[in-house]
Amino acid sequence: MILADSGFWIALGSRRDRHHAAAQSALQRYSGEGFVSTWPVLTEVSHILLARVGMAQALAFMDAIAQGACSIPAPPDDALTRAESLMRRYRDLPMDLADASLVILAEQLGEGRILSTDLRDFSGYRWKNTLPFTNLLLP
């Protein structure tokens, strides 16, 4: 499973997004492996699509997720404590809850491959405190 950040989903949902073609290509290239994300990411994506693109695209995104476009595993019991710790550690970037949830998910799954338009942050974040992410969307 490949981690999917907000920027990937937003780029897929907006033809005007500068990363739209890269997101479509990544969707085709990696869909066989499957995608995994988090509730905070879904919240962020639906909010941004609604605000920037419109209700139809936000609903299409939610429908795609409901139809299995990606899995959303339950977070570990200590997710909130771990998120707060990560947000403190990376406060200079700063890290938001959606990004923290993806770091936690990487740790939970033992997977650091991600589709993200956020080059700065995900090149600086470390999962399990030392392991770098591999961005498959914008290498």
N, C-alpha and C. Protein backbone atom coordinates (compact mmCIF):
# COMPACT_ATOMS: atom_id res chain seq x y z
N MET A 1 0.84 -1.18 0.00
CA MET A 1 0.00 0.00 0.00
C MET A 1 0.89 1.25 0.00
N ILE A 2 0.48 2.23 -0.75
CA ILE A 2 1.22 3.48 -0.85
C ILE A 2 0.44 4.56 -0.13
N LEU A 3 1.13 5.32 0.72
CA LEU A 3 0.50 6.42 1.45
C LEU A 3 0.08 7.51 0.47
N ALA A 4 -1.11 8.06 0.69
CA ALA A 4 -1.62 9.13 -0.18
C ALA A 4 -1.91 10.37 0.65
N ASP A 5 -1.18 11.44 0.38
CA ASP A 5 -1.33 12.72 1.06
C ASP A 5 -2.41 13.56 0.37
N SER A 6 -2.82 14.60 1.04
CA SER A 6 -3.87 15.50 0.53
C SER A 6 -3.55 16.04 -0.85
N GLY A 7 -2.34 16.49 -1.08
CA GLY A 7 -1.98 17.09 -2.36
C GLY A 7 -2.19 16.17 -3.54
N PHE A 8 -1.96 14.89 -3.35
CA PHE A 8 -2.20 13.90 -4.41
C PHE A 8 -3.68 13.87 -4.78
N TRP A 9 -4.56 13.75 -3.77
CA TRP A 9 -6.00 13.69 -4.02
C TRP A 9 -6.51 14.99 -4.61
N ILE A 10 -6.02 16.12 -4.11
CA ILE A 10 -6.46 17.42 -4.61
C ILE A 10 -6.04 17.59 -6.07
N ALA A 11 -4.82 17.19 -6.39
CA ALA A 11 -4.35 17.28 -7.78
C ALA A 11 -5.19 16.40 -8.70
N LEU A 12 -5.57 15.22 -8.23
CA LEU A 12 -6.44 14.36 -9.04
C LEU A 12 -7.79 15.01 -9.28
N GLY A 13 -8.29 15.70 -8.28
CA GLY A 13 -9.64 16.27 -8.35
C GLY A 13 -9.75 17.62 -9.03
N SER A 14 -8.62 18.21 -9.37
CA SER A 14 -8.66 19.54 -9.98
C SER A 14 -7.79 19.57 -11.23
N ARG A 15 -8.41 19.69 -12.38
CA ARG A 15 -7.66 19.73 -13.64
C ARG A 15 -6.76 20.96 -13.73
N ARG A 16 -7.08 21.99 -12.97
CA ARG A 16 -6.26 23.21 -12.98
C ARG A 16 -5.04 23.11 -12.07
N ASP A 17 -4.97 22.08 -11.25
CA ASP A 17 -3.83 21.91 -10.35
C ASP A 17 -2.57 21.62 -11.17
N ARG A 18 -1.47 22.24 -10.82
CA ARG A 18 -0.24 22.06 -11.61
C ARG A 18 0.32 20.65 -11.53
N HIS A 19 -0.14 19.86 -10.55
CA HIS A 19 0.33 18.48 -10.41
C HIS A 19 -0.69 17.46 -10.91
N HIS A 20 -1.72 17.94 -11.61
CA HIS A 20 -2.80 17.05 -12.05
C HIS A 20 -2.28 15.91 -12.93
N ALA A 21 -1.45 16.22 -13.92
CA ALA A 21 -0.94 15.18 -14.83
C ALA A 21 -0.08 14.17 -14.08
N ALA A 22 0.76 14.65 -13.17
CA ALA A 22 1.61 13.74 -12.39
C ALA A 22 0.75 12.84 -11.49
N ALA A 23 -0.32 13.40 -10.92
CA ALA A 23 -1.21 12.61 -10.07
C ALA A 23 -1.94 11.55 -10.88
N GLN A 24 -2.40 11.90 -12.07
CA GLN A 24 -3.07 10.92 -12.94
C GLN A 24 -2.11 9.79 -13.33
N SER A 25 -0.89 10.17 -13.65
CA SER A 25 0.12 9.18 -14.01
C SER A 25 0.41 8.24 -12.84
N ALA A 26 0.55 8.81 -11.64
CA ALA A 26 0.81 8.01 -10.44
C ALA A 26 -0.37 7.09 -10.14
N LEU A 27 -1.58 7.58 -10.35
CA LEU A 27 -2.77 6.76 -10.13
C LEU A 27 -2.72 5.52 -11.01
N GLN A 28 -2.40 5.71 -12.28
CA GLN A 28 -2.31 4.58 -13.20
C GLN A 28 -1.15 3.66 -12.84
N ARG A 29 -0.02 4.23 -12.49
CA ARG A 29 1.19 3.46 -12.23
C ARG A 29 1.06 2.62 -10.95
N TYR A 30 0.45 3.17 -9.90
CA TYR A 30 0.49 2.52 -8.59
C TYR A 30 -0.84 1.96 -8.11
N SER A 31 -1.90 2.09 -8.87
CA SER A 31 -3.21 1.65 -8.38
C SER A 31 -3.25 0.15 -8.08
N GLY A 32 -2.42 -0.63 -8.74
CA GLY A 32 -2.37 -2.06 -8.47
C GLY A 32 -1.89 -2.39 -7.07
N GLU A 33 -1.09 -1.51 -6.49
CA GLU A 33 -0.61 -1.73 -5.12
C GLU A 33 -1.62 -1.28 -4.09
N GLY A 34 -2.46 -0.35 -4.46
CA GLY A 34 -3.45 0.18 -3.53
C GLY A 34 -2.92 1.40 -2.78
N PHE A 35 -3.85 2.21 -2.33
CA PHE A 35 -3.52 3.44 -1.61
C PHE A 35 -4.11 3.37 -0.22
N VAL A 36 -3.45 4.06 0.69
CA VAL A 36 -3.89 4.11 2.07
C VAL A 36 -3.74 5.55 2.56
N SER A 37 -4.70 5.99 3.37
CA SER A 37 -4.65 7.36 3.87
C SER A 37 -5.30 7.41 5.25
N THR A 38 -5.63 8.61 5.70
CA THR A 38 -6.16 8.79 7.05
C THR A 38 -7.38 9.70 7.05
N TRP A 39 -8.15 9.66 8.10
CA TRP A 39 -9.31 10.54 8.24
C TRP A 39 -8.93 12.01 8.19
N PRO A 40 -7.85 12.45 8.87
CA PRO A 40 -7.49 13.87 8.75
C PRO A 40 -7.18 14.29 7.31
N VAL A 41 -6.59 13.41 6.53
CA VAL A 41 -6.31 13.72 5.12
C VAL A 41 -7.63 13.85 4.36
N LEU A 42 -8.55 12.92 4.57
CA LEU A 42 -9.85 12.99 3.89
C LEU A 42 -10.58 14.28 4.23
N THR A 43 -10.51 14.69 5.48
CA THR A 43 -11.15 15.93 5.90
C THR A 43 -10.55 17.13 5.18
N GLU A 44 -9.22 17.16 5.13
CA GLU A 44 -8.53 18.26 4.46
C GLU A 44 -8.86 18.31 2.97
N VAL A 45 -8.84 17.16 2.32
CA VAL A 45 -9.11 17.10 0.88
C VAL A 45 -10.53 17.53 0.57
N SER A 46 -11.50 17.00 1.30
CA SER A 46 -12.89 17.37 1.01
C SER A 46 -13.12 18.85 1.23
N HIS A 47 -12.51 19.42 2.25
CA HIS A 47 -12.64 20.86 2.51
C HIS A 47 -12.03 21.68 1.37
N ILE A 48 -10.82 21.32 0.96
CA ILE A 48 -10.14 22.09 -0.08
C ILE A 48 -10.83 21.93 -1.43
N LEU A 49 -11.24 20.72 -1.77
CA LEU A 49 -11.96 20.54 -3.04
C LEU A 49 -13.26 21.34 -3.06
N LEU A 50 -13.97 21.32 -1.97
CA LEU A 50 -15.21 22.09 -1.89
C LEU A 50 -14.94 23.58 -2.07
N ALA A 51 -13.91 24.09 -1.40
CA ALA A 51 -13.61 25.52 -1.45
C ALA A 51 -13.03 25.96 -2.79
N ARG A 52 -12.18 25.13 -3.40
CA ARG A 52 -11.46 25.54 -4.60
C ARG A 52 -12.09 25.07 -5.91
N VAL A 53 -12.73 23.91 -5.88
CA VAL A 53 -13.23 23.32 -7.12
C VAL A 53 -14.76 23.27 -7.14
N GLY A 54 -15.35 22.84 -6.04
CA GLY A 54 -16.81 22.82 -5.96
C GLY A 54 -17.35 21.57 -5.30
N MET A 55 -18.62 21.63 -4.99
CA MET A 55 -19.29 20.53 -4.29
C MET A 55 -19.26 19.24 -5.10
N ALA A 56 -19.47 19.32 -6.41
CA ALA A 56 -19.49 18.11 -7.23
C ALA A 56 -18.19 17.33 -7.11
N GLN A 57 -17.06 18.04 -7.13
CA GLN A 57 -15.77 17.35 -7.06
C GLN A 57 -15.51 16.80 -5.66
N ALA A 58 -15.94 17.54 -4.62
CA ALA A 58 -15.79 17.04 -3.25
C ALA A 58 -16.61 15.76 -3.06
N LEU A 59 -17.83 15.74 -3.60
CA LEU A 59 -18.67 14.55 -3.51
C LEU A 59 -18.11 13.40 -4.33
N ALA A 60 -17.55 13.70 -5.50
CA ALA A 60 -16.94 12.65 -6.33
C ALA A 60 -15.75 12.02 -5.60
N PHE A 61 -14.98 12.85 -4.91
CA PHE A 61 -13.86 12.33 -4.13
C PHE A 61 -14.36 11.39 -3.03
N MET A 62 -15.37 11.84 -2.27
CA MET A 62 -15.88 11.01 -1.18
C MET A 62 -16.48 9.71 -1.72
N ASP A 63 -17.14 9.78 -2.86
CA ASP A 63 -17.69 8.58 -3.47
C ASP A 63 -16.58 7.61 -3.87
N ALA A 64 -15.51 8.13 -4.45
CA ALA A 64 -14.38 7.28 -4.85
C ALA A 64 -13.78 6.57 -3.63
N ILE A 65 -13.64 7.30 -2.53
CA ILE A 65 -13.09 6.69 -1.31
C ILE A 65 -14.06 5.62 -0.81
N ALA A 66 -15.36 5.94 -0.79
CA ALA A 66 -16.36 4.97 -0.33
C ALA A 66 -16.38 3.71 -1.21
N GLN A 67 -16.02 3.87 -2.49
CA GLN A 67 -16.00 2.74 -3.43
C GLN A 67 -14.68 1.97 -3.39
N GLY A 68 -13.75 2.40 -2.52
CA GLY A 68 -12.52 1.64 -2.35
C GLY A 68 -11.28 2.22 -3.00
N ALA A 69 -11.28 3.50 -3.35
CA ALA A 69 -10.09 4.11 -3.97
C ALA A 69 -8.87 4.04 -3.05
N CYS A 70 -9.12 4.00 -1.77
CA CYS A 70 -8.02 3.79 -0.81
C CYS A 70 -8.60 3.24 0.48
N SER A 71 -7.74 2.64 1.26
CA SER A 71 -8.19 2.15 2.56
C SER A 71 -7.83 3.18 3.63
N ILE A 72 -8.63 3.18 4.68
CA ILE A 72 -8.44 4.09 5.79
C ILE A 72 -8.40 3.24 7.06
N PRO A 73 -7.21 2.80 7.47
CA PRO A 73 -7.14 1.95 8.66
C PRO A 73 -7.42 2.75 9.94
N ALA A 74 -7.88 2.05 10.95
CA ALA A 74 -8.09 2.68 12.25
C ALA A 74 -6.73 3.10 12.81
N PRO A 75 -6.66 4.27 13.41
CA PRO A 75 -5.38 4.70 14.00
C PRO A 75 -5.06 3.90 15.26
N PRO A 76 -3.79 3.84 15.62
CA PRO A 76 -3.44 3.15 16.86
C PRO A 76 -3.99 3.91 18.07
N ASP A 77 -4.08 3.23 19.19
CA ASP A 77 -4.65 3.84 20.40
C ASP A 77 -3.92 5.10 20.85
N ASP A 78 -2.62 5.16 20.61
CA ASP A 78 -1.83 6.32 21.07
C ASP A 78 -1.66 7.38 19.99
N ALA A 79 -2.51 7.37 18.96
CA ALA A 79 -2.33 8.27 17.81
C ALA A 79 -2.34 9.74 18.21
N LEU A 80 -3.25 10.15 19.08
CA LEU A 80 -3.31 11.57 19.45
C LEU A 80 -2.06 12.01 20.20
N THR A 81 -1.57 11.17 21.09
CA THR A 81 -0.35 11.49 21.82
C THR A 81 0.83 11.56 20.87
N ARG A 82 0.91 10.61 19.96
CA ARG A 82 2.01 10.59 18.99
C ARG A 82 1.91 11.79 18.04
N ALA A 83 0.70 12.14 17.61
CA ALA A 83 0.52 13.30 16.73
C ALA A 83 0.99 14.58 17.42
N GLU A 84 0.62 14.74 18.67
CA GLU A 84 1.04 15.93 19.42
C GLU A 84 2.56 15.99 19.53
N SER A 85 3.18 14.85 19.78
CA SER A 85 4.64 14.79 19.88
C SER A 85 5.30 15.15 18.54
N LEU A 86 4.77 14.61 17.46
CA LEU A 86 5.31 14.92 16.13
C LEU A 86 5.11 16.39 15.78
N MET A 87 3.95 16.95 16.09
CA MET A 87 3.68 18.35 15.77
C MET A 87 4.60 19.28 16.55
N ARG A 88 4.94 18.89 17.77
CA ARG A 88 5.93 19.66 18.55
C ARG A 88 7.32 19.56 17.91
N ARG A 89 7.69 18.34 17.55
CA ARG A 89 9.01 18.12 16.95
C ARG A 89 9.20 18.92 15.67
N TYR A 90 8.15 18.96 14.83
CA TYR A 90 8.24 19.61 13.52
C TYR A 90 7.51 20.96 13.49
N ARG A 91 7.41 21.61 14.63
CA ARG A 91 6.65 22.87 14.70
C ARG A 91 7.24 23.97 13.84
N ASP A 92 8.53 23.91 13.49
CA ASP A 92 9.14 24.94 12.66
C ASP A 92 8.73 24.83 11.19
N LEU A 93 8.21 23.68 10.77
CA LEU A 93 7.81 23.55 9.36
C LEU A 93 6.53 24.32 9.04
N PRO A 94 5.46 24.36 9.71
CA PRO A 94 4.98 23.51 10.81
C PRO A 94 4.26 22.27 10.27
N MET A 95 4.11 21.28 11.15
CA MET A 95 3.38 20.06 10.80
C MET A 95 1.93 20.21 11.24
N ASP A 96 0.99 19.83 10.36
CA ASP A 96 -0.43 19.83 10.76
C ASP A 96 -0.87 18.41 11.09
N LEU A 97 -2.11 18.27 11.53
CA LEU A 97 -2.62 16.96 11.94
C LEU A 97 -2.65 15.96 10.79
N ALA A 98 -2.99 16.41 9.59
CA ALA A 98 -3.02 15.49 8.45
C ALA A 98 -1.63 14.90 8.20
N ASP A 99 -0.60 15.74 8.21
CA ASP A 99 0.76 15.23 8.01
C ASP A 99 1.19 14.32 9.15
N ALA A 100 0.87 14.70 10.38
CA ALA A 100 1.21 13.85 11.53
C ALA A 100 0.54 12.49 11.40
N SER A 101 -0.71 12.49 10.94
CA SER A 101 -1.42 11.21 10.80
C SER A 101 -0.76 10.31 9.77
N LEU A 102 -0.16 10.89 8.74
CA LEU A 102 0.53 10.08 7.73
C LEU A 102 1.85 9.53 8.26
N VAL A 103 2.54 10.28 9.09
CA VAL A 103 3.76 9.77 9.73
C VAL A 103 3.39 8.58 10.63
N ILE A 104 2.32 8.74 11.40
CA ILE A 104 1.85 7.67 12.28
C ILE A 104 1.46 6.44 11.46
N LEU A 105 0.78 6.67 10.34
CA LEU A 105 0.38 5.56 9.47
C LEU A 105 1.60 4.86 8.89
N ALA A 106 2.61 5.61 8.48
CA ALA A 106 3.85 5.00 7.98
C ALA A 106 4.47 4.11 9.05
N GLU A 107 4.47 4.59 10.28
CA GLU A 107 5.02 3.79 11.39
C GLU A 107 4.18 2.55 11.65
N GLN A 108 2.87 2.70 11.56
CA GLN A 108 1.94 1.60 11.80
C GLN A 108 2.10 0.50 10.75
N LEU A 109 2.29 0.91 9.48
CA LEU A 109 2.36 -0.05 8.38
C LEU A 109 3.78 -0.46 8.01
N GLY A 110 4.78 0.28 8.50
CA GLY A 110 6.16 0.02 8.09
C GLY A 110 6.38 0.37 6.63
N GLU A 111 5.74 1.46 6.20
CA GLU A 111 5.78 1.87 4.78
C GLU A 111 6.05 3.36 4.66
N GLY A 112 7.10 3.72 3.91
CA GLY A 112 7.46 5.13 3.77
C GLY A 112 7.30 5.68 2.36
N ARG A 113 6.71 4.91 1.46
CA ARG A 113 6.45 5.44 0.12
C ARG A 113 5.17 6.26 0.17
N ILE A 114 5.24 7.46 -0.41
CA ILE A 114 4.12 8.38 -0.33
C ILE A 114 3.91 9.11 -1.65
N LEU A 115 2.66 9.49 -1.90
CA LEU A 115 2.32 10.35 -3.02
C LEU A 115 1.95 11.70 -2.41
N SER A 116 2.81 12.69 -2.62
CA SER A 116 2.59 14.00 -2.01
C SER A 116 3.12 15.11 -2.90
N THR A 117 2.43 16.24 -2.88
CA THR A 117 2.92 17.44 -3.57
C THR A 117 3.73 18.30 -2.62
N ASP A 118 3.84 17.88 -1.38
CA ASP A 118 4.51 18.64 -0.33
C ASP A 118 5.98 18.21 -0.22
N LEU A 119 6.79 18.72 -1.12
CA LEU A 119 8.20 18.32 -1.17
C LEU A 119 8.99 18.72 0.06
N ARG A 120 8.79 19.93 0.54
CA ARG A 120 9.56 20.43 1.68
C ARG A 120 9.31 19.59 2.92
N ASP A 121 8.05 19.45 3.28
CA ASP A 121 7.75 18.79 4.54
C ASP A 121 8.08 17.30 4.52
N PHE A 122 7.63 16.58 3.49
CA PHE A 122 7.87 15.14 3.48
C PHE A 122 9.30 14.76 3.15
N SER A 123 10.13 15.71 2.74
CA SER A 123 11.55 15.40 2.64
C SER A 123 12.23 15.62 3.98
N GLY A 124 11.58 16.34 4.89
CA GLY A 124 12.14 16.57 6.23
C GLY A 124 11.60 15.64 7.29
N TYR A 125 10.36 15.20 7.16
CA TYR A 125 9.77 14.31 8.16
C TYR A 125 10.46 12.96 8.16
N ARG A 126 10.50 12.35 9.33
CA ARG A 126 11.05 11.00 9.47
C ARG A 126 10.03 10.13 10.19
N TRP A 127 9.82 8.93 9.66
CA TRP A 127 8.95 7.99 10.36
C TRP A 127 9.84 7.06 11.18
N LYS A 128 9.33 6.63 12.30
CA LYS A 128 10.13 5.90 13.30
C LYS A 128 11.37 6.72 13.67
N ASN A 129 11.24 8.05 13.60
CA ASN A 129 12.23 9.05 14.00
C ASN A 129 13.46 9.14 13.12
N THR A 130 13.72 8.15 12.27
CA THR A 130 14.94 8.19 11.48
C THR A 130 14.75 7.88 9.99
N LEU A 131 13.65 7.25 9.63
CA LEU A 131 13.48 6.78 8.25
C LEU A 131 12.85 7.85 7.36
N PRO A 132 13.48 8.15 6.23
CA PRO A 132 12.92 9.17 5.33
C PRO A 132 11.77 8.61 4.49
N PHE A 133 10.91 9.49 4.04
CA PHE A 133 9.85 9.13 3.10
C PHE A 133 10.42 9.11 1.69
N THR A 134 9.83 8.28 0.83
CA THR A 134 10.15 8.27 -0.59
C THR A 134 8.91 8.77 -1.32
N ASN A 135 9.04 9.95 -1.92
CA ASN A 135 7.91 10.56 -2.62
C ASN A 135 7.87 10.02 -4.04
N LEU A 136 6.84 9.25 -4.34
CA LEU A 136 6.69 8.65 -5.67
C LEU A 136 5.98 9.58 -6.66
N LEU A 137 5.35 10.65 -6.15
CA LEU A 137 4.64 11.56 -7.03
C LEU A 137 5.59 12.57 -7.66
N LEU A 138 6.43 13.19 -6.83
CA LEU A 138 7.39 14.19 -7.30
C LEU A 138 8.78 13.82 -6.79
N PRO A 139 9.41 12.82 -7.40
CA PRO A 139 10.72 12.35 -6.90
C PRO A 139 11.80 13.40 -7.04
